[in-house]
């Protein structure tokens, strides 16, 4: 079936608002994705330091839990 020029124009005008809305939605999703990626990349050094801190703090907390007298001067130790 061959469409006339008027019919094509009506189809284009009918689809145009949906195409614009889809484009705006797609731009918003991509913008949010890249903004979140940028912000989360800023936290990479912080999370690296937290992993190193966890390597020290977890064994120390296990020792303090097992022997509370070992942490008498530390803030989380048992008060006298």
N, C-alpha and C. Protein backbone atom coordinates (compact mmCIF):
# COMPACT_ATOMS: atom_id res chain seq x y z
N UNK A 1 0.83 -1.17 0.00
CA UNK A 1 0.00 0.00 0.00
C UNK A 1 0.88 1.24 0.00
N UNK A 2 0.65 2.14 -0.89
CA UNK A 2 1.41 3.37 -1.00
C UNK A 2 0.64 4.47 -0.28
N UNK A 3 1.33 5.14 0.65
CA UNK A 3 0.69 6.20 1.42
C UNK A 3 0.86 7.54 0.73
N UNK A 4 -0.12 8.37 0.86
CA UNK A 4 -0.02 9.70 0.26
C UNK A 4 0.82 10.61 1.16
N UNK A 5 1.20 11.74 0.64
CA UNK A 5 2.02 12.68 1.40
C UNK A 5 1.31 13.20 2.64
N UNK A 6 0.03 13.44 2.53
CA UNK A 6 -0.73 13.92 3.69
C UNK A 6 -0.79 12.86 4.78
N UNK A 7 -0.99 11.63 4.38
CA UNK A 7 -1.04 10.54 5.34
C UNK A 7 0.30 10.38 6.07
N UNK A 8 1.38 10.51 5.34
CA UNK A 8 2.71 10.43 5.96
C UNK A 8 2.93 11.58 6.93
N UNK A 9 2.49 12.76 6.56
CA UNK A 9 2.64 13.93 7.44
C UNK A 9 1.86 13.73 8.73
N UNK A 10 0.63 13.21 8.63
CA UNK A 10 -0.17 12.95 9.83
C UNK A 10 0.48 11.90 10.72
N UNK A 11 1.03 10.87 10.14
CA UNK A 11 1.72 9.83 10.93
C UNK A 11 2.94 10.42 11.62
N UNK A 12 3.68 11.26 10.90
CA UNK A 12 4.87 11.90 11.48
C UNK A 12 4.47 12.81 12.64
N UNK A 13 3.44 13.63 12.43
CA UNK A 13 2.99 14.54 13.48
C UNK A 13 2.43 13.76 14.67
N UNK A 14 1.78 12.65 14.42
CA UNK A 14 1.25 11.82 15.50
C UNK A 14 2.35 11.14 16.31
N UNK A 15 3.40 10.76 15.66
CA UNK A 15 4.50 10.06 16.36
C UNK A 15 5.51 11.02 16.98
N UNK A 16 5.55 12.26 16.54
CA UNK A 16 6.56 13.21 17.00
C UNK A 16 6.54 13.45 18.51
N UNK A 17 5.41 13.67 19.15
CA UNK A 17 5.44 13.87 20.62
C UNK A 17 5.98 12.67 21.38
N UNK A 18 5.65 11.47 20.91
CA UNK A 18 6.17 10.27 21.58
C UNK A 18 7.68 10.13 21.37
N UNK A 19 8.14 10.49 20.19
CA UNK A 19 9.59 10.44 19.93
C UNK A 19 10.33 11.45 20.79
N UNK A 20 9.75 12.64 20.94
CA UNK A 20 10.39 13.66 21.78
C UNK A 20 10.39 13.21 23.25
N UNK A 21 9.26 12.68 23.72
CA UNK A 21 9.18 12.22 25.11
C UNK A 21 10.16 11.08 25.36
N UNK A 22 10.26 10.15 24.41
CA UNK A 22 11.21 9.05 24.56
C UNK A 22 12.65 9.57 24.58
N UNK A 23 12.94 10.55 23.73
CA UNK A 23 14.29 11.13 23.71
C UNK A 23 14.63 11.84 25.02
N UNK A 24 13.67 12.57 25.57
CA UNK A 24 13.91 13.25 26.85
C UNK A 24 14.10 12.22 27.97
N UNK A 25 13.28 11.17 27.97
CA UNK A 25 13.43 10.12 28.98
C UNK A 25 14.78 9.43 28.87
N UNK A 26 15.17 9.13 27.65
CA UNK A 26 16.47 8.47 27.43
C UNK A 26 17.62 9.37 27.86
N UNK A 27 17.54 10.66 27.56
CA UNK A 27 18.58 11.60 27.97
C UNK A 27 18.65 11.71 29.49
N UNK A 28 17.50 11.69 30.15
CA UNK A 28 17.48 11.77 31.61
C UNK A 28 18.09 10.52 32.24
N UNK A 29 17.77 9.35 31.68
CA UNK A 29 18.33 8.11 32.23
C UNK A 29 19.85 8.07 32.04
N UNK A 30 20.32 8.43 30.85
CA UNK A 30 21.77 8.45 30.61
C UNK A 30 22.46 9.49 31.49
N UNK A 31 21.85 10.64 31.67
CA UNK A 31 22.45 11.67 32.51
C UNK A 31 22.55 11.21 33.96
N UNK A 32 21.49 10.59 34.47
CA UNK A 32 21.52 10.08 35.84
C UNK A 32 22.56 8.98 35.99
N UNK A 33 22.67 8.12 34.98
CA UNK A 33 23.65 7.03 35.04
C UNK A 33 25.07 7.58 35.10
N UNK A 34 25.41 8.52 34.23
CA UNK A 34 26.77 9.05 34.21
C UNK A 34 27.06 9.93 35.40
N UNK A 35 26.06 10.64 35.91
CA UNK A 35 26.26 11.43 37.12
C UNK A 35 26.52 10.52 38.32
N UNK A 36 25.76 9.44 38.43
CA UNK A 36 25.98 8.49 39.53
C UNK A 36 27.35 7.84 39.40
N UNK A 37 27.76 7.51 38.19
CA UNK A 37 29.08 6.92 37.98
C UNK A 37 30.18 7.88 38.41
N UNK A 38 30.03 9.14 38.06
CA UNK A 38 31.03 10.15 38.42
C UNK A 38 31.11 10.30 39.94
N UNK A 39 29.94 10.39 40.58
CA UNK A 39 29.94 10.57 42.04
C UNK A 39 30.50 9.34 42.74
N UNK A 40 30.12 8.15 42.29
CA UNK A 40 30.62 6.94 42.92
C UNK A 40 32.12 6.76 42.70
N UNK A 41 32.63 7.22 41.57
CA UNK A 41 34.08 7.13 41.35
C UNK A 41 34.86 8.02 42.31
N UNK A 42 34.23 9.08 42.78
CA UNK A 42 34.90 9.94 43.76
C UNK A 42 35.08 9.24 45.10
N UNK A 43 34.25 8.23 45.38
CA UNK A 43 34.34 7.51 46.65
C UNK A 43 35.32 6.34 46.60
N UNK A 44 35.93 6.09 45.46
CA UNK A 44 36.84 4.94 45.36
C UNK A 44 38.01 5.02 46.34
N UNK A 45 38.70 6.18 46.47
CA UNK A 45 39.79 6.22 47.46
C UNK A 45 39.28 5.98 48.88
N UNK A 46 38.11 6.52 49.20
CA UNK A 46 37.54 6.34 50.54
C UNK A 46 37.27 4.87 50.83
N UNK A 47 36.69 4.16 49.86
CA UNK A 47 36.42 2.75 50.08
C UNK A 47 37.70 1.93 50.15
N UNK A 48 38.72 2.35 49.43
CA UNK A 48 40.02 1.66 49.53
C UNK A 48 40.61 1.80 50.92
N UNK A 49 40.50 3.00 51.50
CA UNK A 49 41.00 3.22 52.86
C UNK A 49 40.16 2.41 53.85
N UNK A 50 38.85 2.31 53.61
CA UNK A 50 38.00 1.56 54.52
C UNK A 50 38.36 0.07 54.51
N UNK A 51 38.74 -0.44 53.36
CA UNK A 51 39.14 -1.85 53.29
C UNK A 51 40.43 -2.06 54.08
N UNK A 52 41.38 -1.13 53.93
CA UNK A 52 42.61 -1.25 54.71
C UNK A 52 42.33 -1.12 56.21
N UNK A 53 41.42 -0.24 56.57
CA UNK A 53 41.05 -0.09 57.97
C UNK A 53 40.39 -1.36 58.50
N UNK A 54 39.56 -1.99 57.68
CA UNK A 54 38.89 -3.21 58.12
C UNK A 54 39.89 -4.34 58.36
N UNK A 55 40.97 -4.36 57.57
CA UNK A 55 41.99 -5.39 57.77
C UNK A 55 42.62 -5.27 59.15
N UNK A 56 42.72 -4.04 59.66
CA UNK A 56 43.29 -3.83 60.99
C UNK A 56 42.22 -3.95 62.08
N UNK A 57 41.05 -3.36 61.86
CA UNK A 57 40.05 -3.25 62.92
C UNK A 57 39.37 -4.58 63.25
N UNK A 58 39.13 -5.43 62.27
CA UNK A 58 38.44 -6.69 62.56
C UNK A 58 39.26 -7.59 63.47
N UNK A 59 40.53 -7.85 63.17
CA UNK A 59 41.29 -8.67 64.13
C UNK A 59 41.43 -8.00 65.51
N UNK A 60 41.58 -6.67 65.51
CA UNK A 60 41.72 -5.98 66.80
C UNK A 60 40.43 -6.09 67.61
N UNK A 61 39.27 -5.98 66.96
CA UNK A 61 38.01 -6.10 67.71
C UNK A 61 37.80 -7.51 68.22
N UNK A 62 38.27 -8.52 67.48
CA UNK A 62 38.17 -9.90 67.96
C UNK A 62 39.02 -10.09 69.20
N UNK A 63 40.22 -9.53 69.18
CA UNK A 63 41.11 -9.65 70.35
C UNK A 63 40.51 -8.92 71.54
N UNK A 64 39.96 -7.72 71.32
CA UNK A 64 39.37 -6.95 72.42
C UNK A 64 38.14 -7.66 72.98
N UNK A 65 37.37 -8.31 72.12
CA UNK A 65 36.21 -9.06 72.60
C UNK A 65 36.66 -10.26 73.45
N UNK A 66 37.72 -10.90 73.04
CA UNK A 66 38.21 -12.07 73.78
C UNK A 66 38.93 -11.67 75.07
N UNK A 67 39.67 -10.54 75.02
CA UNK A 67 40.44 -10.08 76.18
C UNK A 67 40.14 -8.60 76.42
N UNK A 68 39.09 -8.27 77.14
CA UNK A 68 38.72 -6.86 77.33
C UNK A 68 39.77 -6.04 78.06
N UNK A 69 40.62 -6.69 78.86
CA UNK A 69 41.65 -5.95 79.59
C UNK A 69 42.73 -5.41 78.66
N UNK A 70 42.81 -5.95 77.45
CA UNK A 70 43.82 -5.47 76.50
C UNK A 70 43.48 -4.10 75.97
N UNK A 71 42.24 -3.64 76.14
CA UNK A 71 41.82 -2.36 75.56
C UNK A 71 41.46 -1.38 76.65
N UNK A 72 42.20 -1.34 77.72
CA UNK A 72 41.82 -0.48 78.84
C UNK A 72 41.92 1.00 78.48
N UNK A 73 42.84 1.39 77.61
CA UNK A 73 43.00 2.80 77.27
C UNK A 73 42.25 3.20 76.01
N UNK A 74 41.60 2.27 75.35
CA UNK A 74 40.91 2.56 74.10
C UNK A 74 39.48 3.00 74.37
N UNK A 75 38.92 3.83 73.49
CA UNK A 75 37.58 4.38 73.75
C UNK A 75 36.48 3.31 73.80
N UNK A 76 36.65 2.21 73.08
CA UNK A 76 35.62 1.19 73.10
C UNK A 76 35.89 0.11 74.14
N UNK A 77 36.92 0.32 74.96
CA UNK A 77 37.27 -0.67 75.99
C UNK A 77 36.35 -0.59 77.19
N UNK A 78 36.54 -1.50 78.08
CA UNK A 78 35.73 -1.56 79.29
C UNK A 78 36.16 -0.43 80.23
N UNK A 79 35.17 0.29 80.77
CA UNK A 79 35.51 1.38 81.69
C UNK A 79 35.83 0.81 83.06
N UNK A 80 36.75 1.47 83.77
CA UNK A 80 37.20 0.98 85.07
C UNK A 80 36.38 1.56 86.18
